[in-house]
Amino acid sequence: MTDNQPTEPRHSKTRQDFDEAQLAGLYEEGMANMALYHRHCQDPVIFKALGDVRGKTLLDLACGDGFYTRRFRKEAGADPVVGIDLSPMQIEKAKAIEDADPLGIEYFAGDASDLDLGRRFDIVTAIHLLHYLESGEEIAGVLGRVHSLLTDSGRFVTMVANPEFDLDIHDPEDSKKKFAYYFSAAPKENGAVMTFHPGGLEKEREITIGLRRWHRDFVNDIAREAGFEPEWHDPFISEEGLEEYGAGFFENYLPNPQSKLLVLYKQD
């Protein structure tokens, strides 16, 4: 198999942002800073929705440097596992980690809109993808491609920017201090760009990413048209997180999380 890259650059700003963050070491540093968020806020809903995937084939889209891809293989037991990302720099990093600690994962650079892998998967994941797409047509194109990549009983598990996120009740200082991210803008219109600052880095080194807010009904309609039945899941705090930090620690996060989980079940 060869890397699946389009002839003309697509989503070049997103690709450039993540290439530069990886090259400068900001991506790895930011992910380390967000460890508490991932472990106690995001991981629980992802792995609960993923369920028992031991021995099932899994494709991880927008895999970055393989942070979750490796965990889907090592912790959840999916096999075989393939990771795809738009950023060549992220894929280089993922391959370097795989070479140092082989898990049998294949990685390729490519755009989720243009994949032709010649095989199907029981599970497709994309921890963050749809909010980087720029139109309903792009979402429809990606979901159509995912539908074709899934087995008949397959499902797509993805985190998306919270359609109901409310900047008015968001405490950026609390969020940055505890979870290493904050939002500085979040217009409520469908498709509006929310300004997201992940990683908890200082101003002069800060990563700024634009996420599109896609309304729930808008996504549901596109998903159903593509042949899926959508199911939304609110994030929840791990038992370990509640025991270690107490419920009050998460009181500004839980009613207004940055992301929600969407599972799309392929229909007959």
Protein backbone atom coordinates (compact mmCIF):
# COMPACT_ATOMS: atom_id res chain seq x y z
CA MET A 1 0.00 0.00 0.00
CA THR A 2 1.24 3.49 -0.76
CA ASP A 3 0.50 6.73 1.06
CA ASN A 4 -2.87 8.11 -0.06
CA GLN A 5 -2.24 11.82 -0.63
CA PRO A 6 -4.34 13.94 -3.01
CA THR A 7 -2.65 15.51 -6.04
CA GLU A 8 -3.66 19.02 -4.91
CA PRO A 9 -3.29 20.02 -1.24
CA ARG A 10 -6.54 19.89 0.73
CA HIS A 11 -7.09 21.35 4.17
CA SER A 12 -3.60 22.80 3.82
CA LYS A 13 -3.97 25.15 6.82
CA THR A 14 -4.86 22.26 9.14
CA ARG A 15 -2.01 20.18 7.76
CA GLN A 16 0.45 23.05 8.17
CA ASP A 17 -0.68 23.78 11.74
CA PHE A 18 -0.13 20.20 12.86
CA ASP A 19 3.10 19.77 10.90
CA GLU A 20 4.54 22.88 12.54
CA ALA A 21 3.33 21.90 16.02
CA GLN A 22 4.95 18.47 15.66
CA LEU A 23 8.19 19.91 14.23
CA ALA A 24 8.50 22.44 17.07
CA GLY A 25 7.74 19.85 19.75
CA LEU A 26 4.59 21.74 20.76
CA TYR A 27 2.25 18.86 19.93
CA GLU A 28 4.03 16.39 22.20
CA GLU A 29 4.36 18.95 25.00
CA GLY A 30 0.70 19.95 24.69
CA MET A 31 -0.47 16.34 24.80
CA ALA A 32 1.58 15.76 27.95
CA ASN A 33 0.01 18.85 29.55
CA MET A 34 -3.46 17.54 28.71
CA ALA A 35 -2.86 14.13 30.31
CA LEU A 36 -5.33 14.76 33.15
CA TYR A 37 -8.03 15.81 30.69
CA HIS A 38 -7.47 12.79 28.47
CA ARG A 39 -7.34 10.28 31.30
CA HIS A 40 -10.28 11.48 33.37
CA CYS A 41 -12.54 13.45 30.98
CA GLN A 42 -12.13 12.13 27.44
CA ASP A 43 -10.88 8.54 27.73
CA PRO A 44 -13.84 7.18 29.74
CA VAL A 45 -16.48 7.99 27.14
CA ILE A 46 -14.27 6.89 24.23
CA PHE A 47 -13.37 3.48 25.62
CA LYS A 48 -16.88 2.79 26.92
CA ALA A 49 -18.34 3.51 23.48
CA LEU A 50 -15.59 1.50 21.79
CA GLY A 51 -16.52 -1.56 23.82
CA ASP A 52 -14.93 -4.97 23.30
CA VAL A 53 -12.86 -4.74 20.10
CA ARG A 54 -10.46 -7.61 20.78
CA GLY A 55 -9.50 -9.19 17.49
CA LYS A 56 -11.53 -6.70 15.45
CA THR A 57 -10.05 -4.66 12.62
CA LEU A 58 -9.77 -0.95 13.33
CA LEU A 59 -8.94 2.10 11.21
CA ASP A 60 -8.03 5.27 13.12
CA LEU A 61 -8.53 8.40 11.02
CA ALA A 62 -6.87 11.72 11.93
CA CYS A 63 -4.63 9.63 14.17
CA GLY A 64 -1.98 12.29 14.79
CA ASP A 65 1.16 10.69 16.14
CA GLY A 66 -0.78 7.55 17.08
CA PHE A 67 -1.62 8.49 20.68
CA TYR A 68 -4.99 6.71 20.61
CA THR A 69 -4.10 4.35 17.77
CA ARG A 70 -1.54 2.61 19.98
CA ARG A 71 -3.99 2.39 22.85
CA PHE A 72 -6.71 0.89 20.64
CA ARG A 73 -4.19 -1.83 19.74
CA LYS A 74 -2.41 -2.32 23.08
CA GLU A 75 -5.15 -1.68 25.65
CA ALA A 76 -8.36 -2.45 23.74
CA GLY A 77 -6.89 -5.34 21.72
CA ALA A 78 -8.02 -4.35 18.22
CA ASP A 79 -6.06 -6.25 15.55
CA PRO A 80 -5.01 -5.37 12.93
CA VAL A 81 -4.90 -1.58 13.35
CA VAL A 82 -4.21 1.10 10.72
CA GLY A 83 -3.65 4.82 11.38
CA ILE A 84 -4.16 7.59 8.82
CA ASP A 85 -3.41 11.30 9.24
CA LEU A 86 -3.34 14.34 7.00
CA SER A 87 -0.02 15.54 8.46
CA PRO A 88 3.11 13.82 7.11
CA MET A 89 5.05 15.04 10.15
CA GLN A 90 2.58 13.38 12.50
CA ILE A 91 2.83 10.13 10.55
CA GLU A 92 6.63 10.27 10.63
CA LYS A 93 6.44 10.55 14.42
CA ALA A 94 3.93 7.70 14.64
CA LYS A 95 6.16 5.47 12.52
CA ALA A 96 9.19 6.33 14.66
CA ILE A 97 7.31 5.32 17.80
CA GLU A 98 6.15 2.11 16.09
CA ASP A 99 9.74 1.30 15.08
CA ALA A 100 10.92 1.79 18.66
CA ASP A 101 8.07 -0.21 20.22
CA PRO A 102 6.47 -2.40 17.52
CA LEU A 103 2.76 -3.14 17.90
CA GLY A 104 2.12 -4.13 14.30
CA ILE A 105 0.32 -0.90 13.43
CA GLU A 106 0.44 0.42 9.86
CA TYR A 107 0.53 4.20 9.38
CA PHE A 108 -0.11 6.21 6.21
CA ALA A 109 -0.38 9.90 5.36
CA GLY A 110 -3.64 10.69 3.62
CA ASP A 111 -6.88 12.65 3.54
CA ALA A 112 -9.97 10.94 4.96
CA SER A 113 -11.92 12.25 1.96
CA ASP A 114 -9.76 10.35 -0.53
CA LEU A 115 -8.96 6.99 1.00
CA ASP A 116 -8.99 3.84 -1.11
CA LEU A 117 -7.49 1.15 1.11
CA GLY A 118 -8.82 -1.92 -0.67
CA ARG A 119 -10.18 -3.45 2.54
CA ARG A 120 -12.89 -2.92 5.15
CA PHE A 121 -12.81 -2.55 8.92
CA ASP A 122 -15.04 -3.53 11.82
CA ILE A 123 -14.46 -0.18 13.54
CA VAL A 124 -13.43 3.23 12.23
CA THR A 125 -12.40 5.84 14.77
CA ALA A 126 -11.54 9.52 14.49
CA ILE A 127 -10.99 11.15 17.86
CA HIS A 128 -11.06 14.60 16.22
CA LEU A 129 -11.99 15.05 12.57
CA LEU A 130 -15.44 16.40 11.64
CA HIS A 131 -14.86 19.81 13.22
CA TYR A 132 -11.90 20.35 10.86
CA LEU A 133 -14.12 19.92 7.81
CA GLU A 134 -15.34 23.09 6.15
CA SER A 135 -18.80 22.30 4.79
CA GLY A 136 -21.70 19.90 4.88
CA GLU A 137 -20.51 18.58 1.54
CA GLU A 138 -17.13 17.69 3.05
CA ILE A 139 -18.78 15.96 6.00
CA ALA A 140 -21.01 14.00 3.63
CA GLY A 141 -17.97 13.02 1.57
CA VAL A 142 -16.02 11.78 4.58
CA LEU A 143 -18.98 9.89 6.06
CA GLY A 144 -19.66 8.30 2.70
CA ARG A 145 -16.06 7.16 2.55
CA VAL A 146 -16.20 5.85 6.11
CA HIS A 147 -19.42 3.97 5.28
CA SER A 148 -17.66 2.22 2.40
CA LEU A 149 -14.69 1.32 4.62
CA LEU A 150 -16.83 -0.37 7.27
CA THR A 151 -18.01 -3.96 7.36
CA ASP A 152 -21.77 -4.46 7.21
CA SER A 153 -22.17 -4.32 11.00
CA GLY A 154 -19.45 -1.72 11.53
CA ARG A 155 -19.54 1.58 13.37
CA PHE A 156 -17.76 4.91 13.41
CA VAL A 157 -16.66 6.31 16.80
CA THR A 158 -15.62 9.97 16.88
CA MET A 159 -15.27 12.98 19.15
CA VAL A 160 -16.68 16.24 17.78
CA ALA A 161 -16.67 19.83 18.99
CA ASN A 162 -19.59 20.14 21.42
CA PRO A 163 -22.57 21.44 19.41
CA GLU A 164 -23.99 23.02 22.57
CA PHE A 165 -20.75 24.58 23.88
CA ASP A 166 -21.49 27.91 25.61
CA LEU A 167 -18.68 30.44 25.81
CA ASP A 168 -20.67 32.51 28.31
CA ILE A 169 -20.29 29.85 31.00
CA HIS A 170 -16.78 28.76 29.98
CA ASP A 171 -14.09 29.70 32.53
CA PRO A 172 -10.93 29.91 30.41
CA GLU A 173 -8.55 30.34 33.34
CA ASP A 174 -9.97 27.38 35.24
CA SER A 175 -9.99 25.26 32.08
CA LYS A 176 -6.41 26.11 31.13
CA LYS A 177 -5.13 25.55 34.65
CA LYS A 178 -6.84 22.17 35.17
CA PHE A 179 -7.23 20.70 31.69
CA ALA A 180 -4.66 22.62 29.58
CA TYR A 181 -7.10 24.06 27.03
CA TYR A 182 -9.46 26.98 26.64
CA PHE A 183 -11.67 28.69 24.06
CA SER A 184 -11.43 32.39 23.21
CA ALA A 185 -14.31 32.49 20.71
CA ALA A 186 -17.30 30.24 20.04
CA PRO A 187 -19.98 31.71 17.75
CA LYS A 188 -23.18 29.67 17.94
CA GLU A 189 -24.09 29.58 14.24
CA ASN A 190 -23.88 26.26 12.43
CA GLY A 191 -20.46 25.98 10.82
CA ALA A 192 -19.01 28.92 12.75
CA VAL A 193 -15.33 28.72 13.68
CA MET A 194 -14.59 28.27 17.39
CA THR A 195 -11.12 29.41 18.46
CA PHE A 196 -9.49 26.64 20.50
CA HIS A 197 -6.19 26.81 22.39
CA PRO A 198 -5.01 23.29 23.37
CA GLY A 199 -1.95 22.26 25.32
CA GLY A 200 -1.81 24.84 28.10
CA LEU A 201 1.22 26.53 26.53
CA GLU A 202 2.28 30.09 27.30
CA LYS A 203 1.10 32.90 25.02
CA GLU A 204 4.30 33.17 22.98
CA ARG A 205 4.20 29.45 22.17
CA GLU A 206 0.45 28.91 22.16
CA ILE A 207 -1.27 26.65 19.65
CA THR A 208 -4.43 28.15 18.14
CA ILE A 209 -6.79 25.94 16.15
CA GLY A 210 -10.09 26.72 14.45
CA LEU A 211 -12.85 24.16 15.07
CA ARG A 212 -16.17 24.33 13.26
CA ARG A 213 -19.30 24.06 15.35
CA TRP A 214 -21.65 21.71 13.52
CA HIS A 215 -25.13 21.57 15.00
CA ARG A 216 -26.37 18.20 16.20
CA ASP A 217 -29.37 17.95 13.87
CA PHE A 218 -27.22 19.06 10.93
CA VAL A 219 -24.74 16.23 11.55
CA ASN A 220 -27.52 13.73 12.23
CA ASP A 221 -29.20 14.48 8.90
CA ILE A 222 -25.94 14.07 6.96
CA ALA A 223 -25.13 10.85 8.82
CA ARG A 224 -28.53 9.33 8.07
CA GLU A 225 -28.25 10.32 4.42
CA ALA A 226 -24.87 8.51 4.33
CA GLY A 227 -26.44 5.33 5.74
CA PHE A 228 -25.77 5.66 9.47
CA GLU A 229 -27.86 5.88 12.61
CA PRO A 230 -26.30 8.43 15.01
CA GLU A 231 -26.01 8.08 18.78
CA TRP A 232 -24.59 10.88 20.95
CA HIS A 233 -22.79 10.35 24.26
CA ASP A 234 -22.00 12.99 26.89
CA PRO A 235 -18.55 12.72 28.48
CA PHE A 236 -18.28 11.66 32.11
CA ILE A 237 -15.52 11.63 34.71
CA SER A 238 -13.59 8.47 35.53
CA GLU A 239 -14.03 6.94 38.96
CA GLU A 240 -10.32 7.46 39.57
CA GLY A 241 -10.64 11.15 38.72
CA LEU A 242 -13.56 11.63 41.09
CA GLU A 243 -11.72 9.82 43.86
CA GLU A 244 -8.49 11.75 43.35
CA TYR A 245 -9.83 15.25 42.70
CA GLY A 246 -13.45 15.26 43.90
CA ALA A 247 -16.56 16.20 41.92
CA GLY A 248 -16.05 19.94 42.55
CA PHE A 249 -12.83 19.91 40.53
CA PHE A 250 -14.85 19.16 37.38
CA GLU A 251 -17.88 21.39 38.03
CA ASN A 252 -16.90 23.97 35.38
CA TYR A 253 -16.06 21.30 32.81
CA LEU A 254 -18.79 18.70 32.96
CA PRO A 255 -21.86 20.87 32.13
CA ASN A 256 -19.96 22.49 29.23
CA PRO A 257 -17.34 20.09 27.82
CA GLN A 258 -15.25 20.95 24.77
CA SER A 259 -16.28 17.77 22.90
CA LYS A 260 -18.99 15.15 22.76
CA LEU A 261 -18.79 11.63 21.43
CA LEU A 262 -20.73 10.48 18.39
CA VAL A 263 -21.19 6.85 17.38
CA LEU A 264 -22.52 6.20 13.89
CA TYR A 265 -23.92 2.70 13.30
CA LYS A 266 -23.87 1.45 9.75
CA GLN A 267 -27.35 0.53 8.58
CA ASP A 268 -28.28 -2.33 6.25
